[in-house]
């Protein structure tokens, strides 16, 4: 297996179409236009074997607030492994490279997990966030996102964090977390 790290801007149209089709298959067709947009604009970690895409994760830049302090955050999107390759260490390899990218370039990392993947991210060293979640609108007002409570994980990158504190993300279209 070969891992490649590529910025969105360095991927051609063919590669982007291949990644999108892979994610659509991996998420059983549940990848909307906004979900796809959320994976773009940062760095992609791609896993190939014999030229076949078997895994993907991307890290995009966002701002998160814990309490009143803001953090430049490497936010993880589009984590997927081909169904035939799951539970063989490929996801762990992808997330290891993701963690390296985040630790080298951001204050901290964050992601929102599906219920199914909660144990995976915890085992990979990500801290489950127990505090209340919210989103900061463009006008600066914060709105609670209780539907996201319990799904957020943080990679602290050496920061000592209170995982029961309120956490907020910057606004975006679609799923904010």
Protein backbone atom coordinates (compact mmCIF):
# COMPACT_ATOMS: atom_id res chain seq x y z
CA UNK A 1 0.00 0.00 0.00
CA UNK A 2 1.20 3.50 -0.84
CA UNK A 3 0.10 6.68 0.96
CA UNK A 4 0.15 9.95 -0.97
CA UNK A 5 -0.43 13.42 0.42
CA UNK A 6 -1.71 15.98 -2.09
CA UNK A 7 -3.24 19.44 -1.86
CA UNK A 8 -6.63 19.80 -3.54
CA UNK A 9 -5.13 22.41 -5.90
CA UNK A 10 -2.57 19.83 -7.08
CA UNK A 11 -5.16 17.19 -7.95
CA UNK A 12 -6.47 17.20 -11.49
CA UNK A 13 -10.09 16.81 -12.51
CA UNK A 14 -9.69 13.09 -13.13
CA UNK A 15 -8.25 12.46 -9.65
CA UNK A 16 -10.98 14.54 -8.01
CA UNK A 17 -13.69 12.63 -9.90
CA UNK A 18 -12.08 9.35 -8.81
CA UNK A 19 -11.99 10.48 -5.16
CA UNK A 20 -15.59 11.68 -5.24
CA UNK A 21 -16.81 8.41 -6.79
CA UNK A 22 -14.85 6.48 -4.16
CA UNK A 23 -16.44 8.49 -1.34
CA UNK A 24 -19.94 8.08 -2.80
CA UNK A 25 -19.41 4.28 -2.89
CA UNK A 26 -17.86 4.24 0.58
CA UNK A 27 -20.77 6.18 2.09
CA UNK A 28 -23.39 4.07 0.27
CA UNK A 29 -24.42 7.03 -1.87
CA UNK A 30 -24.84 9.36 1.11
CA UNK A 31 -22.42 12.10 0.02
CA UNK A 32 -24.15 15.33 -0.93
CA UNK A 33 -22.64 18.27 -2.79
CA UNK A 34 -21.90 20.13 0.45
CA UNK A 35 -20.28 17.04 1.99
CA UNK A 36 -18.01 16.85 -1.06
CA UNK A 37 -17.21 20.57 -0.85
CA UNK A 38 -16.19 20.11 2.78
CA UNK A 39 -13.41 17.70 1.72
CA UNK A 40 -11.87 20.24 -0.67
CA UNK A 41 -9.41 23.08 -0.21
CA UNK A 42 -6.92 21.39 2.05
CA UNK A 43 -4.72 18.32 1.96
CA UNK A 44 -5.83 14.83 0.94
CA UNK A 45 -4.27 11.64 2.25
CA UNK A 46 -4.80 8.92 -0.34
CA UNK A 47 -4.08 5.20 -0.02
CA UNK A 48 -3.40 3.25 -3.21
CA UNK A 49 -2.49 -0.31 -4.01
CA UNK A 50 -1.55 -1.15 -7.59
CA UNK A 51 -3.02 2.17 -8.70
CA UNK A 52 -6.41 1.50 -7.08
CA UNK A 53 -7.72 4.03 -4.54
CA UNK A 54 -8.44 2.19 -1.29
CA UNK A 55 -8.61 4.99 1.27
CA UNK A 56 -9.07 8.73 1.66
CA UNK A 57 -9.05 11.44 4.32
CA UNK A 58 -8.70 15.18 3.99
CA UNK A 59 -7.58 17.93 6.34
CA UNK A 60 -9.07 21.39 5.84
CA UNK A 61 -8.40 24.59 7.75
CA UNK A 62 -11.10 25.79 10.13
CA UNK A 63 -11.32 27.86 13.29
CA UNK A 64 -12.58 26.29 16.50
CA UNK A 65 -13.13 27.95 19.85
CA UNK A 66 -12.79 26.19 23.17
CA UNK A 67 -14.31 28.53 25.69
CA UNK A 68 -13.18 31.94 24.40
CA UNK A 69 -9.84 30.86 22.89
CA UNK A 70 -9.62 30.33 19.13
CA UNK A 71 -7.52 27.60 17.53
CA UNK A 72 -6.31 27.17 13.95
CA UNK A 73 -7.68 23.70 13.38
CA UNK A 74 -6.93 20.90 10.97
CA UNK A 75 -10.44 19.58 10.48
CA UNK A 76 -10.76 16.04 9.14
CA UNK A 77 -13.29 15.22 6.41
CA UNK A 78 -14.10 12.37 4.06
CA UNK A 79 -12.45 9.52 5.96
CA UNK A 80 -13.21 6.32 4.08
CA UNK A 81 -11.68 2.92 3.42
CA UNK A 82 -12.82 0.53 0.68
CA UNK A 83 -15.23 -2.04 2.10
CA UNK A 84 -12.92 -4.91 1.11
CA UNK A 85 -10.01 -3.34 3.05
CA UNK A 86 -11.67 -2.41 6.33
CA UNK A 87 -10.31 -3.65 9.66
CA UNK A 88 -6.86 -4.29 8.18
CA UNK A 89 -5.02 -1.22 9.47
CA UNK A 90 -5.57 1.02 6.46
CA UNK A 91 -7.76 3.49 8.38
CA UNK A 92 -5.16 3.59 11.14
CA UNK A 93 -2.44 4.34 8.57
CA UNK A 94 -4.55 7.13 7.03
CA UNK A 95 -5.26 8.68 10.42
CA UNK A 96 -1.59 8.41 11.40
CA UNK A 97 -0.67 10.55 8.40
CA UNK A 98 -3.58 12.90 9.14
CA UNK A 99 -2.30 13.32 12.72
CA UNK A 100 1.20 14.10 11.43
CA UNK A 101 -0.17 16.77 9.08
CA UNK A 102 -2.21 18.33 11.86
CA UNK A 103 0.59 18.27 14.43
CA UNK A 104 2.96 19.88 11.90
CA UNK A 105 0.62 22.65 10.78
CA UNK A 106 -2.18 23.42 13.22
CA UNK A 107 -2.94 24.26 16.84
CA UNK A 108 -5.18 21.21 17.09
CA UNK A 109 -7.20 18.73 15.08
CA UNK A 110 -10.91 18.00 15.15
CA UNK A 111 -13.52 15.87 13.44
CA UNK A 112 -17.12 14.81 13.78
CA UNK A 113 -17.68 11.07 13.84
CA UNK A 114 -20.52 8.80 12.91
CA UNK A 115 -21.76 6.58 15.73
CA UNK A 116 -20.19 3.56 14.02
CA UNK A 117 -16.70 5.12 13.97
CA UNK A 118 -16.63 6.46 17.56
CA UNK A 119 -14.49 3.55 18.88
CA UNK A 120 -12.05 3.86 15.95
CA UNK A 121 -11.19 7.51 16.61
CA UNK A 122 -10.87 6.94 20.35
CA UNK A 123 -8.45 4.06 19.71
CA UNK A 124 -6.47 6.30 17.33
CA UNK A 125 -5.72 8.74 20.17
CA UNK A 126 -8.41 11.33 19.47
CA UNK A 127 -10.17 12.72 22.55
CA UNK A 128 -13.97 12.53 22.61
CA UNK A 129 -15.37 15.98 23.37
CA UNK A 130 -17.94 15.89 26.18
CA UNK A 131 -18.73 19.59 26.31
CA UNK A 132 -21.58 21.31 24.49
CA UNK A 133 -21.13 22.08 20.79
CA UNK A 134 -22.13 25.18 18.87
CA UNK A 135 -21.45 27.06 15.66
CA UNK A 136 -20.38 30.69 15.33
CA UNK A 137 -22.42 32.42 12.64
CA UNK A 138 -20.88 35.01 10.30
CA UNK A 139 -22.41 37.77 12.47
CA UNK A 140 -20.47 36.42 15.48
CA UNK A 141 -23.43 34.94 17.33
CA UNK A 142 -23.15 31.37 18.58
CA UNK A 143 -25.92 28.80 18.12
CA UNK A 144 -25.98 25.50 20.00
CA UNK A 145 -25.72 22.33 17.92
CA UNK A 146 -26.98 19.70 20.40
CA UNK A 147 -27.35 17.14 17.60
CA UNK A 148 -23.54 17.14 17.37
CA UNK A 149 -22.87 16.69 21.09
CA UNK A 150 -20.95 13.46 21.60
CA UNK A 151 -19.75 13.20 17.99
CA UNK A 152 -16.79 15.61 18.10
CA UNK A 153 -13.23 14.39 18.65
CA UNK A 154 -10.15 16.55 19.16
CA UNK A 155 -6.43 15.91 18.65
CA UNK A 156 -4.87 18.30 21.21
CA UNK A 157 -1.39 18.65 19.64
CA UNK A 158 0.23 19.19 23.03
CA UNK A 159 -2.42 21.55 24.41
CA UNK A 160 -3.97 20.77 27.77
CA UNK A 161 -7.70 20.97 27.07
CA UNK A 162 -10.81 20.58 29.20
CA UNK A 163 -12.93 18.19 27.13
CA UNK A 164 -16.02 19.23 29.08
CA UNK A 165 -15.73 22.89 28.03
CA UNK A 166 -17.96 24.41 25.35
CA UNK A 167 -16.57 24.02 21.82
CA UNK A 168 -17.62 25.99 18.74
CA UNK A 169 -16.80 25.77 15.06
CA UNK A 170 -16.88 28.38 12.32
CA UNK A 171 -19.95 28.56 10.08
CA UNK A 172 -20.18 26.75 6.76
CA UNK A 173 -22.98 25.55 4.52
CA UNK A 174 -24.36 22.09 5.18
CA UNK A 175 -23.33 20.13 8.23
CA UNK A 176 -21.41 22.62 10.35
CA UNK A 177 -19.49 19.93 12.22
